[in-house]
Amino acid sequence: MRRLRDEESGYSLVELVVVMAIMGTVLAAISMMFVTGIHAQSDLDARFQAQVNLNLAISKLRREAHNACGISAGQTTSLITLQMPTANPPPQPPNTPCTAPTLVTWCTSGSGSRYKLWRVPGVLTCTTTTSGARPYADYITNSGPFTSYTAANIPSAQLGKLHVHFVVSIKPNAPSASLYALDDDLILRNSAT
């Protein structure tokens, strides 16, 4: 009986502590991999959402620029005010679509390396508290995306053209390889009327 009892030895405390330490290390490494994956996924989702919002904003801006008769004086690299026809369908000659235009301002507002693209109806300034003002895109890193405007030249049969350059990044100090840039020329199709 004594011999059987001596053979029923279990794990010693040292062996148990060593096994627990090894398991803890393995589980910590696995947990770290999951946490890293979750952070990468959330970062990717935020970048994708910022890019989608910018593309939707540019689509809206492009539609309005196509319909605009011109850009009001005072255009800067951070603010443009489109002169939109008031009547739909446009009035018949001798009246032009922009006899008394409706104003729509697109501007960037923010500081540092994070700006929002706003659409502000009815004013010439970037007053984001105005009724109807709405942000369309966020995480824009450049404060002046409206880089150039070429007014219509009716004798040369050229329409007005607005060039835009947007750079989006959710991380302010991101390397240039992770930036999303969008350049476009928006033609003001009604600018010759």
N, C-alpha and C. Protein backbone atom coordinates (compact mmCIF):
# COMPACT_ATOMS: atom_id res chain seq x y z
N MET A 1 0.80 -1.17 0.00
CA MET A 1 0.00 0.00 0.00
C MET A 1 0.87 1.27 0.00
N ARG A 2 1.94 1.20 0.77
CA ARG A 2 2.84 2.33 0.85
C ARG A 2 3.51 2.59 -0.50
N ARG A 3 3.85 1.52 -1.21
CA ARG A 3 4.48 1.67 -2.50
C ARG A 3 3.53 2.32 -3.50
N LEU A 4 2.25 1.98 -3.49
CA LEU A 4 1.25 2.59 -4.38
C LEU A 4 1.06 4.08 -4.05
N ARG A 5 1.08 4.41 -2.79
CA ARG A 5 0.91 5.79 -2.38
C ARG A 5 2.10 6.63 -2.85
N ASP A 6 3.29 6.11 -2.80
CA ASP A 6 4.47 6.85 -3.24
C ASP A 6 4.47 7.07 -4.75
N GLU A 7 3.83 6.15 -5.50
CA GLU A 7 3.79 6.31 -6.95
C GLU A 7 2.72 7.29 -7.39
N GLU A 8 1.82 7.69 -6.53
CA GLU A 8 0.78 8.64 -6.87
C GLU A 8 1.25 10.07 -6.66
N SER A 9 2.39 10.36 -7.17
CA SER A 9 2.91 11.71 -7.02
C SER A 9 2.24 12.61 -8.05
N GLY A 10 1.97 13.88 -7.70
CA GLY A 10 1.35 14.86 -8.60
C GLY A 10 2.40 15.84 -9.11
N TYR A 11 1.93 16.99 -9.55
CA TYR A 11 2.83 18.04 -10.02
C TYR A 11 3.33 18.83 -8.82
N SER A 12 4.56 19.22 -8.91
CA SER A 12 5.11 20.04 -7.83
C SER A 12 4.70 21.50 -8.08
N LEU A 13 4.82 22.32 -7.11
CA LEU A 13 4.47 23.73 -7.20
C LEU A 13 5.35 24.44 -8.24
N VAL A 14 6.60 24.06 -8.33
CA VAL A 14 7.52 24.66 -9.30
C VAL A 14 7.06 24.35 -10.72
N GLU A 15 6.68 23.09 -10.97
CA GLU A 15 6.22 22.71 -12.30
C GLU A 15 4.95 23.48 -12.67
N LEU A 16 4.06 23.63 -11.73
CA LEU A 16 2.82 24.35 -11.96
C LEU A 16 3.08 25.82 -12.28
N VAL A 17 4.00 26.45 -11.58
CA VAL A 17 4.34 27.85 -11.82
C VAL A 17 4.98 28.01 -13.20
N VAL A 18 5.85 27.09 -13.60
CA VAL A 18 6.50 27.16 -14.92
C VAL A 18 5.46 27.05 -16.03
N VAL A 19 4.55 26.10 -15.90
CA VAL A 19 3.50 25.91 -16.91
C VAL A 19 2.62 27.16 -17.00
N MET A 20 2.25 27.73 -15.85
CA MET A 20 1.42 28.93 -15.85
C MET A 20 2.16 30.11 -16.50
N ALA A 21 3.44 30.24 -16.28
CA ALA A 21 4.22 31.31 -16.88
C ALA A 21 4.28 31.16 -18.40
N ILE A 22 4.48 29.92 -18.87
CA ILE A 22 4.52 29.68 -20.32
C ILE A 22 3.16 29.98 -20.93
N MET A 23 2.09 29.52 -20.30
CA MET A 23 0.73 29.79 -20.81
C MET A 23 0.43 31.28 -20.80
N GLY A 24 0.84 31.98 -19.78
CA GLY A 24 0.62 33.43 -19.71
C GLY A 24 1.32 34.16 -20.83
N THR A 25 2.56 33.75 -21.13
CA THR A 25 3.32 34.38 -22.22
C THR A 25 2.64 34.14 -23.56
N VAL A 26 2.21 32.91 -23.80
CA VAL A 26 1.55 32.58 -25.06
C VAL A 26 0.23 33.34 -25.20
N LEU A 27 -0.56 33.37 -24.13
CA LEU A 27 -1.85 34.07 -24.18
C LEU A 27 -1.64 35.58 -24.34
N ALA A 28 -0.61 36.13 -23.72
CA ALA A 28 -0.33 37.56 -23.88
C ALA A 28 0.03 37.88 -25.33
N ALA A 29 0.82 37.02 -25.97
CA ALA A 29 1.19 37.23 -27.37
C ALA A 29 -0.03 37.15 -28.28
N ILE A 30 -0.89 36.19 -28.01
CA ILE A 30 -2.12 36.04 -28.82
C ILE A 30 -3.02 37.26 -28.61
N SER A 31 -3.16 37.71 -27.37
CA SER A 31 -3.98 38.89 -27.09
C SER A 31 -3.43 40.11 -27.79
N MET A 32 -2.11 40.26 -27.80
CA MET A 32 -1.48 41.39 -28.46
C MET A 32 -1.77 41.37 -29.95
N MET A 33 -1.76 40.19 -30.57
CA MET A 33 -2.08 40.08 -31.98
C MET A 33 -3.53 40.52 -32.24
N PHE A 34 -4.46 40.11 -31.40
CA PHE A 34 -5.85 40.51 -31.57
C PHE A 34 -6.02 42.02 -31.41
N VAL A 35 -5.37 42.60 -30.42
CA VAL A 35 -5.47 44.04 -30.20
C VAL A 35 -4.90 44.81 -31.39
N THR A 36 -3.76 44.37 -31.91
CA THR A 36 -3.16 45.00 -33.07
C THR A 36 -4.08 44.91 -34.28
N GLY A 37 -4.69 43.77 -34.47
CA GLY A 37 -5.64 43.58 -35.57
C GLY A 37 -6.85 44.48 -35.45
N ILE A 38 -7.36 44.62 -34.24
CA ILE A 38 -8.53 45.48 -34.02
C ILE A 38 -8.17 46.94 -34.31
N HIS A 39 -7.00 47.38 -33.86
CA HIS A 39 -6.57 48.76 -34.12
C HIS A 39 -6.38 48.99 -35.62
N ALA A 40 -5.79 48.04 -36.31
CA ALA A 40 -5.58 48.18 -37.75
C ALA A 40 -6.91 48.24 -38.48
N GLN A 41 -7.86 47.42 -38.06
CA GLN A 41 -9.18 47.42 -38.69
C GLN A 41 -9.90 48.75 -38.47
N SER A 42 -9.85 49.27 -37.25
CA SER A 42 -10.54 50.54 -36.98
C SER A 42 -9.86 51.69 -37.72
N ASP A 43 -8.53 51.66 -37.84
CA ASP A 43 -7.80 52.67 -38.60
C ASP A 43 -8.19 52.61 -40.07
N LEU A 44 -8.27 51.42 -40.63
CA LEU A 44 -8.66 51.23 -42.01
C LEU A 44 -10.09 51.72 -42.24
N ASP A 45 -10.99 51.40 -41.33
CA ASP A 45 -12.39 51.85 -41.44
C ASP A 45 -12.47 53.37 -41.43
N ALA A 46 -11.73 54.03 -40.54
CA ALA A 46 -11.76 55.49 -40.45
C ALA A 46 -11.19 56.13 -41.72
N ARG A 47 -10.10 55.57 -42.25
CA ARG A 47 -9.54 56.11 -43.50
C ARG A 47 -10.50 55.94 -44.66
N PHE A 48 -11.13 54.77 -44.74
CA PHE A 48 -12.08 54.50 -45.81
C PHE A 48 -13.27 55.45 -45.72
N GLN A 49 -13.79 55.65 -44.51
CA GLN A 49 -14.93 56.54 -44.33
C GLN A 49 -14.58 57.98 -44.70
N ALA A 50 -13.38 58.44 -44.35
CA ALA A 50 -12.95 59.79 -44.72
C ALA A 50 -12.86 59.93 -46.23
N GLN A 51 -12.36 58.91 -46.92
CA GLN A 51 -12.25 58.95 -48.37
C GLN A 51 -13.63 58.93 -49.04
N VAL A 52 -14.53 58.11 -48.52
CA VAL A 52 -15.89 58.04 -49.08
C VAL A 52 -16.59 59.38 -48.89
N ASN A 53 -16.48 59.98 -47.71
CA ASN A 53 -17.11 61.28 -47.46
C ASN A 53 -16.56 62.35 -48.40
N LEU A 54 -15.25 62.34 -48.64
CA LEU A 54 -14.67 63.31 -49.56
C LEU A 54 -15.18 63.09 -50.98
N ASN A 55 -15.25 61.85 -51.41
CA ASN A 55 -15.76 61.57 -52.76
C ASN A 55 -17.21 62.01 -52.92
N LEU A 56 -18.03 61.79 -51.89
CA LEU A 56 -19.42 62.24 -51.94
C LEU A 56 -19.50 63.77 -51.97
N ALA A 57 -18.64 64.42 -51.18
CA ALA A 57 -18.62 65.89 -51.17
C ALA A 57 -18.20 66.44 -52.54
N ILE A 58 -17.19 65.83 -53.15
CA ILE A 58 -16.75 66.28 -54.47
C ILE A 58 -17.84 66.06 -55.51
N SER A 59 -18.59 64.98 -55.40
CA SER A 59 -19.70 64.75 -56.33
C SER A 59 -20.75 65.85 -56.22
N LYS A 60 -21.08 66.23 -54.99
CA LYS A 60 -22.05 67.31 -54.75
C LYS A 60 -21.49 68.63 -55.27
N LEU A 61 -20.23 68.94 -54.97
CA LEU A 61 -19.59 70.16 -55.44
C LEU A 61 -19.53 70.17 -56.97
N ARG A 62 -19.22 69.05 -57.58
CA ARG A 62 -19.13 68.97 -59.04
C ARG A 62 -20.50 69.26 -59.68
N ARG A 63 -21.57 68.66 -59.14
CA ARG A 63 -22.92 68.91 -59.68
C ARG A 63 -23.27 70.40 -59.58
N GLU A 64 -22.96 71.00 -58.42
CA GLU A 64 -23.28 72.41 -58.27
C GLU A 64 -22.41 73.29 -59.16
N ALA A 65 -21.15 72.94 -59.33
CA ALA A 65 -20.27 73.72 -60.21
C ALA A 65 -20.73 73.62 -61.66
N HIS A 66 -21.19 72.45 -62.09
CA HIS A 66 -21.70 72.29 -63.45
C HIS A 66 -22.89 73.21 -63.70
N ASN A 67 -23.72 73.41 -62.70
CA ASN A 67 -24.91 74.24 -62.84
C ASN A 67 -24.64 75.71 -62.57
N ALA A 68 -23.52 76.04 -61.93
CA ALA A 68 -23.24 77.42 -61.53
C ALA A 68 -22.98 78.31 -62.74
N CYS A 69 -23.40 79.56 -62.61
CA CYS A 69 -23.17 80.55 -63.67
C CYS A 69 -21.80 81.19 -63.52
N GLY A 70 -21.26 81.17 -62.32
CA GLY A 70 -19.96 81.78 -62.08
C GLY A 70 -19.60 81.67 -60.62
N ILE A 71 -18.48 82.28 -60.29
CA ILE A 71 -18.00 82.32 -58.91
C ILE A 71 -17.94 83.77 -58.50
N SER A 72 -18.50 84.09 -57.34
CA SER A 72 -18.52 85.46 -56.85
C SER A 72 -17.12 85.95 -56.56
N ALA A 73 -16.97 87.27 -56.63
CA ALA A 73 -15.69 87.89 -56.28
C ALA A 73 -15.35 87.55 -54.84
N GLY A 74 -14.08 87.47 -54.53
CA GLY A 74 -13.65 87.15 -53.17
C GLY A 74 -13.25 85.69 -53.02
N GLN A 75 -13.17 84.97 -54.12
CA GLN A 75 -12.77 83.56 -54.08
C GLN A 75 -11.34 83.47 -53.56
N THR A 76 -11.12 82.57 -52.62
CA THR A 76 -9.78 82.32 -52.09
C THR A 76 -9.49 80.84 -52.23
N THR A 77 -8.32 80.42 -51.77
CA THR A 77 -8.01 79.00 -51.86
C THR A 77 -8.80 78.19 -50.83
N SER A 78 -9.37 78.85 -49.83
CA SER A 78 -10.14 78.12 -48.82
C SER A 78 -11.63 78.38 -48.91
N LEU A 79 -12.08 79.22 -49.86
CA LEU A 79 -13.49 79.58 -49.95
C LEU A 79 -13.86 79.94 -51.37
N ILE A 80 -14.95 79.35 -51.86
CA ILE A 80 -15.54 79.76 -53.14
C ILE A 80 -17.03 79.93 -52.93
N THR A 81 -17.61 80.89 -53.65
CA THR A 81 -19.05 81.10 -53.60
C THR A 81 -19.59 80.95 -55.00
N LEU A 82 -20.37 79.92 -55.22
CA LEU A 82 -20.96 79.66 -56.54
C LEU A 82 -22.24 80.47 -56.70
N GLN A 83 -22.42 81.01 -57.89
CA GLN A 83 -23.66 81.72 -58.24
C GLN A 83 -24.56 80.72 -58.95
N MET A 84 -25.61 80.30 -58.26
CA MET A 84 -26.50 79.27 -58.78
C MET A 84 -27.75 79.89 -59.39
N PRO A 85 -28.25 79.33 -60.52
CA PRO A 85 -29.51 79.82 -61.09
C PRO A 85 -30.63 79.66 -60.07
N THR A 86 -31.54 80.62 -60.04
CA THR A 86 -32.62 80.56 -59.06
C THR A 86 -33.83 79.82 -59.59
N ALA A 87 -34.06 79.87 -60.89
CA ALA A 87 -35.27 79.26 -61.45
C ALA A 87 -34.93 77.91 -62.07
N ASN A 88 -35.90 77.01 -62.02
CA ASN A 88 -35.74 75.71 -62.66
C ASN A 88 -37.04 75.39 -63.38
N PRO A 89 -37.11 75.34 -64.66
CA PRO A 89 -36.03 75.50 -65.64
C PRO A 89 -35.56 76.95 -65.70
N PRO A 90 -34.37 77.16 -66.28
CA PRO A 90 -33.83 78.52 -66.37
C PRO A 90 -34.76 79.43 -67.17
N PRO A 91 -34.72 80.73 -66.86
CA PRO A 91 -35.58 81.67 -67.57
C PRO A 91 -35.20 81.77 -69.05
N GLN A 92 -36.16 82.21 -69.85
CA GLN A 92 -35.95 82.34 -71.29
C GLN A 92 -35.32 83.69 -71.61
N PRO A 93 -34.58 83.79 -72.72
CA PRO A 93 -33.98 85.07 -73.11
C PRO A 93 -35.08 86.13 -73.25
N PRO A 94 -34.80 87.38 -72.95
CA PRO A 94 -33.49 87.98 -72.75
C PRO A 94 -32.96 87.81 -71.34
N ASN A 95 -33.74 87.24 -70.40
CA ASN A 95 -33.23 87.01 -69.05
C ASN A 95 -32.23 85.86 -69.08
N THR A 96 -31.20 85.95 -68.26
CA THR A 96 -30.22 84.87 -68.17
C THR A 96 -30.47 84.09 -66.88
N PRO A 97 -29.96 82.87 -66.79
CA PRO A 97 -30.19 82.07 -65.59
C PRO A 97 -29.65 82.72 -64.33
N CYS A 98 -28.70 83.62 -64.46
CA CYS A 98 -28.10 84.20 -63.26
C CYS A 98 -28.38 85.69 -63.13
N THR A 99 -29.60 86.11 -63.51
CA THR A 99 -29.97 87.50 -63.32
C THR A 99 -29.95 87.84 -61.83
N ALA A 100 -30.50 86.96 -61.02
CA ALA A 100 -30.48 87.12 -59.56
C ALA A 100 -30.09 85.78 -58.96
N PRO A 101 -28.79 85.48 -58.93
CA PRO A 101 -28.36 84.14 -58.52
C PRO A 101 -28.53 83.88 -57.02
N THR A 102 -28.65 82.60 -56.71
CA THR A 102 -28.61 82.13 -55.34
C THR A 102 -27.16 81.80 -55.02
N LEU A 103 -26.69 82.18 -53.84
CA LEU A 103 -25.29 81.95 -53.49
C LEU A 103 -25.14 80.67 -52.67
N VAL A 104 -24.11 79.91 -52.99
CA VAL A 104 -23.75 78.71 -52.23
C VAL A 104 -22.24 78.76 -52.02
N THR A 105 -21.83 78.79 -50.77
CA THR A 105 -20.41 78.87 -50.44
C THR A 105 -19.89 77.50 -50.01
N TRP A 106 -18.76 77.11 -50.57
CA TRP A 106 -18.02 75.92 -50.16
C TRP A 106 -16.72 76.41 -49.54
N CYS A 107 -16.40 75.91 -48.35
CA CYS A 107 -15.21 76.40 -47.67
C CYS A 107 -14.64 75.33 -46.74
N THR A 108 -13.39 75.55 -46.37
CA THR A 108 -12.77 74.69 -45.37
C THR A 108 -12.65 75.47 -44.07
N SER A 109 -12.90 74.77 -42.99
CA SER A 109 -12.82 75.39 -41.66
C SER A 109 -12.14 74.41 -40.72
N GLY A 110 -11.21 74.91 -39.94
CA GLY A 110 -10.48 74.07 -38.99
C GLY A 110 -9.16 74.71 -38.65
N SER A 111 -8.25 73.92 -38.15
CA SER A 111 -6.93 74.44 -37.82
C SER A 111 -5.91 73.32 -37.83
N GLY A 112 -4.65 73.72 -37.89
CA GLY A 112 -3.57 72.73 -37.87
C GLY A 112 -3.57 71.89 -39.12
N SER A 113 -3.79 70.60 -38.95
CA SER A 113 -3.81 69.70 -40.10
C SER A 113 -5.13 68.96 -40.22
N ARG A 114 -6.20 69.52 -39.62
CA ARG A 114 -7.51 68.90 -39.74
C ARG A 114 -8.55 69.98 -40.06
N TYR A 115 -9.11 69.86 -41.26
CA TYR A 115 -10.12 70.79 -41.73
C TYR A 115 -11.35 70.02 -42.16
N LYS A 116 -12.49 70.70 -42.14
CA LYS A 116 -13.74 70.14 -42.65
C LYS A 116 -14.15 70.94 -43.88
N LEU A 117 -14.77 70.27 -44.82
CA LEU A 117 -15.33 70.92 -46.00
C LEU A 117 -16.80 71.20 -45.72
N TRP A 118 -17.17 72.47 -45.77
CA TRP A 118 -18.54 72.90 -45.45
C TRP A 118 -19.23 73.42 -46.70
N ARG A 119 -20.54 73.24 -46.74
CA ARG A 119 -21.42 73.88 -47.73
C ARG A 119 -22.33 74.81 -46.96
N VAL A 120 -22.26 76.11 -47.28
CA VAL A 120 -23.03 77.12 -46.56
C VAL A 120 -23.88 77.87 -47.57
N PRO A 121 -25.20 77.73 -47.53
CA PRO A 121 -26.06 78.40 -48.51
C PRO A 121 -26.35 79.85 -48.13
N GLY A 122 -26.44 80.71 -49.17
CA GLY A 122 -26.94 82.06 -49.00
C GLY A 122 -26.00 83.12 -48.47
N VAL A 123 -24.73 82.80 -48.23
CA VAL A 123 -23.80 83.81 -47.70
C VAL A 123 -22.49 83.77 -48.49
N LEU A 124 -21.72 84.85 -48.36
CA LEU A 124 -20.42 84.95 -49.04
C LEU A 124 -19.26 84.55 -48.13
N THR A 125 -19.55 84.19 -46.89
CA THR A 125 -18.49 83.87 -45.94
C THR A 125 -18.63 82.43 -45.46
N CYS A 126 -17.61 81.98 -44.77
CA CYS A 126 -17.63 80.61 -44.24
C CYS A 126 -18.16 80.64 -42.81
N THR A 127 -19.45 80.97 -42.70
CA THR A 127 -20.10 81.04 -41.40
C THR A 127 -20.80 79.70 -41.17
N THR A 128 -20.14 78.81 -40.44
CA THR A 128 -20.65 77.45 -40.29
C THR A 128 -21.85 77.37 -39.36
N THR A 129 -22.19 78.48 -38.70
CA THR A 129 -23.37 78.50 -37.82
C THR A 129 -24.62 78.97 -38.56
N THR A 130 -24.48 79.31 -39.84
CA THR A 130 -25.61 79.75 -40.65
C THR A 130 -26.61 78.61 -40.81
N SER A 131 -27.88 78.96 -40.85
CA SER A 131 -28.92 77.96 -41.06
C SER A 131 -28.69 77.25 -42.40
N GLY A 132 -28.69 75.95 -42.37
CA GLY A 132 -28.47 75.15 -43.58
C GLY A 132 -27.02 74.77 -43.82
N ALA A 133 -26.09 75.32 -43.03
CA ALA A 133 -24.68 74.96 -43.19
C ALA A 133 -24.48 73.50 -42.80
N ARG A 134 -23.68 72.81 -43.60
CA ARG A 134 -23.48 71.38 -43.36
C ARG A 134 -22.06 70.96 -43.70
N PRO A 135 -21.41 70.21 -42.80
CA PRO A 135 -20.08 69.67 -43.16
C PRO A 135 -20.25 68.44 -44.06
N TYR A 136 -19.43 68.37 -45.10
CA TYR A 136 -19.52 67.25 -46.03
C TYR A 136 -18.35 66.29 -45.91
N ALA A 137 -17.18 66.79 -45.53
CA ALA A 137 -16.00 65.93 -45.43
C ALA A 137 -15.15 66.39 -44.27
N ASP A 138 -14.40 65.46 -43.69
CA ASP A 138 -13.56 65.75 -42.55
C ASP A 138 -12.16 65.17 -42.82
N TYR A 139 -11.22 65.48 -41.96
CA TYR A 139 -9.84 65.01 -42.03
C TYR A 139 -9.10 65.51 -43.27
N ILE A 140 -9.50 66.68 -43.77
CA ILE A 140 -8.77 67.30 -44.88
C ILE A 140 -7.54 67.96 -44.28
N THR A 141 -6.38 67.72 -44.86
CA THR A 141 -5.14 68.23 -44.27
C THR A 141 -4.69 69.57 -44.84
N ASN A 142 -5.22 69.98 -45.99
CA ASN A 142 -4.82 71.26 -46.57
C ASN A 142 -5.96 72.27 -46.42
N SER A 143 -5.61 73.48 -45.98
CA SER A 143 -6.64 74.49 -45.73
C SER A 143 -7.12 75.16 -47.01
N GLY A 144 -6.36 75.07 -48.09
CA GLY A 144 -6.72 75.73 -49.33
C GLY A 144 -6.88 74.77 -50.49
N PRO A 145 -8.01 74.03 -50.56
CA PRO A 145 -8.16 73.04 -51.63
C PRO A 145 -8.59 73.62 -52.98
N PHE A 146 -9.08 74.87 -52.99
CA PHE A 146 -9.54 75.48 -54.24
C PHE A 146 -8.36 76.24 -54.85
N THR A 147 -7.50 75.51 -55.54
CA THR A 147 -6.19 76.05 -55.91
C THR A 147 -6.25 77.08 -57.02
N SER A 148 -7.17 76.97 -57.97
CA SER A 148 -7.23 77.99 -59.03
C SER A 148 -8.61 78.03 -59.66
N TYR A 149 -8.95 79.24 -60.14
CA TYR A 149 -10.20 79.44 -60.86
C TYR A 149 -9.89 80.23 -62.12
N THR A 150 -10.31 79.70 -63.25
CA THR A 150 -10.17 80.39 -64.52
C THR A 150 -11.56 80.82 -64.95
N ALA A 151 -11.79 82.12 -65.00
CA ALA A 151 -13.11 82.63 -65.35
C ALA A 151 -13.43 82.33 -66.81
N ALA A 152 -14.71 82.38 -67.12
CA ALA A 152 -15.16 82.13 -68.50
C ALA A 152 -14.59 83.20 -69.42
N ASN A 153 -14.24 82.80 -70.62
CA ASN A 153 -13.77 83.72 -71.65
C ASN A 153 -14.70 83.54 -72.85
N ILE A 154 -15.75 84.34 -72.89
CA ILE A 154 -16.81 84.14 -73.89
C ILE A 154 -16.29 84.32 -75.32
N PRO A 155 -15.45 85.35 -75.63
CA PRO A 155 -14.94 85.45 -77.01
C PRO A 155 -14.16 84.20 -77.45
N SER A 156 -13.47 83.56 -76.51
CA SER A 156 -12.70 82.36 -76.86
C SER A 156 -13.50 81.08 -76.69
N ALA A 157 -14.79 81.23 -76.33
CA ALA A 157 -15.69 80.08 -76.12
C ALA A 157 -15.14 79.12 -75.06
N GLN A 158 -14.60 79.69 -73.97
CA GLN A 158 -14.11 78.86 -72.87
C GLN A 158 -15.01 79.05 -71.66
N LEU A 159 -15.36 77.95 -71.03
CA LEU A 159 -16.17 77.99 -69.82
C LEU A 159 -15.28 78.18 -68.60
N GLY A 160 -15.88 78.63 -67.51
CA GLY A 160 -15.13 78.78 -66.27
C GLY A 160 -14.68 77.42 -65.75
N LYS A 161 -13.50 77.40 -65.12
CA LYS A 161 -12.95 76.13 -64.62
C LYS A 161 -12.37 76.34 -63.23
N LEU A 162 -12.77 75.47 -62.32
CA LEU A 162 -12.27 75.51 -60.95
C LEU A 162 -11.44 74.26 -60.71
N HIS A 163 -10.20 74.44 -60.28
CA HIS A 163 -9.35 73.29 -59.95
C HIS A 163 -9.37 73.09 -58.44
N VAL A 164 -9.59 71.84 -58.00
CA VAL A 164 -9.59 71.52 -56.58
C VAL A 164 -8.52 70.47 -56.30
N HIS A 165 -7.92 70.59 -55.12
CA HIS A 165 -6.89 69.64 -54.67
C HIS A 165 -7.13 69.37 -53.19
N PHE A 166 -7.63 68.17 -52.90
CA PHE A 166 -7.91 67.77 -51.52
C PHE A 166 -6.95 66.67 -51.11
N VAL A 167 -6.45 66.77 -49.88
CA VAL A 167 -5.61 65.71 -49.30
C VAL A 167 -6.28 65.30 -47.99
N VAL A 168 -6.50 64.00 -47.83
CA VAL A 168 -7.19 63.48 -46.65
C VAL A 168 -6.28 62.51 -45.92
N SER A 169 -6.23 62.65 -44.59
CA SER A 169 -5.50 61.73 -43.74
C SER A 169 -6.08 61.80 -42.34
N ILE A 170 -6.32 60.64 -41.73
CA ILE A 170 -6.86 60.64 -40.37
C ILE A 170 -5.77 60.81 -39.33
N LYS A 171 -4.51 60.67 -39.76
CA LYS A 171 -3.38 60.85 -38.85
C LYS A 171 -2.60 62.07 -39.31
N PRO A 172 -2.47 63.08 -38.46
CA PRO A 172 -1.83 64.33 -38.89
C PRO A 172 -0.38 64.19 -39.33
N ASN A 173 0.36 63.29 -38.77
CA ASN A 173 1.79 63.14 -39.11
C ASN A 173 2.05 61.90 -39.95
N ALA A 174 1.06 61.50 -40.73
CA ALA A 174 1.19 60.28 -41.52
C ALA A 174 2.20 60.49 -42.66
N PRO A 175 2.92 59.43 -43.03
CA PRO A 175 3.82 59.55 -44.18
C PRO A 175 3.02 59.79 -45.45
N SER A 176 3.65 60.40 -46.43
CA SER A 176 2.93 60.78 -47.65
C SER A 176 2.35 59.58 -48.38
N ALA A 177 2.89 58.40 -48.17
CA ALA A 177 2.37 57.21 -48.85
C ALA A 177 0.98 56.84 -48.36
N SER A 178 0.59 57.25 -47.14
CA SER A 178 -0.73 56.89 -46.61
C SER A 178 -1.75 58.01 -46.78
N LEU A 179 -1.38 59.09 -47.48
CA LEU A 179 -2.31 60.18 -47.74
C LEU A 179 -3.17 59.85 -48.95
N TYR A 180 -4.42 60.34 -48.92
CA TYR A 180 -5.33 60.17 -50.05
C TYR A 180 -5.53 61.54 -50.68
N ALA A 181 -5.10 61.70 -51.91
CA ALA A 181 -5.22 62.99 -52.60
C ALA A 181 -6.23 62.88 -53.73
N LEU A 182 -7.02 63.93 -53.89
CA LEU A 182 -8.02 63.97 -54.95
C LEU A 182 -7.90 65.31 -55.66
N ASP A 183 -7.59 65.27 -56.94
CA ASP A 183 -7.49 66.46 -57.78
C ASP A 183 -8.56 66.38 -58.85
N ASP A 184 -9.18 67.53 -59.17
CA ASP A 184 -10.22 67.53 -60.19
C ASP A 184 -10.36 68.93 -60.76
N ASP A 185 -10.77 69.01 -62.02
CA ASP A 185 -11.14 70.26 -62.65
C ASP A 185 -12.64 70.26 -62.81
N LEU A 186 -13.30 71.25 -62.22
CA LEU A 186 -14.75 71.36 -62.28
C LEU A 186 -15.10 72.46 -63.28
N ILE A 187 -15.89 72.11 -64.29
CA ILE A 187 -16.24 73.05 -65.34
C ILE A 187 -17.59 73.67 -65.02
N LEU A 188 -17.67 75.00 -65.07
CA LEU A 188 -18.92 75.72 -64.83
C LEU A 188 -19.65 75.83 -66.17
N ARG A 189 -20.54 74.91 -66.43
CA ARG A 189 -21.17 74.78 -67.75
C ARG A 189 -22.10 75.95 -68.09
N ASN A 190 -22.63 76.63 -67.08
CA ASN A 190 -23.51 77.77 -67.33
C ASN A 190 -22.76 79.09 -67.30
N SER A 191 -21.43 79.06 -67.21
CA SER A 191 -20.69 80.30 -67.02
C SER A 191 -20.68 81.19 -68.25
N ALA A 192 -21.01 80.68 -69.41
CA ALA A 192 -21.01 81.50 -70.62
C ALA A 192 -22.36 82.18 -70.85
N THR A 193 -23.36 81.92 -69.99
CA THR A 193 -24.68 82.52 -70.22
C THR A 193 -24.79 83.89 -69.58
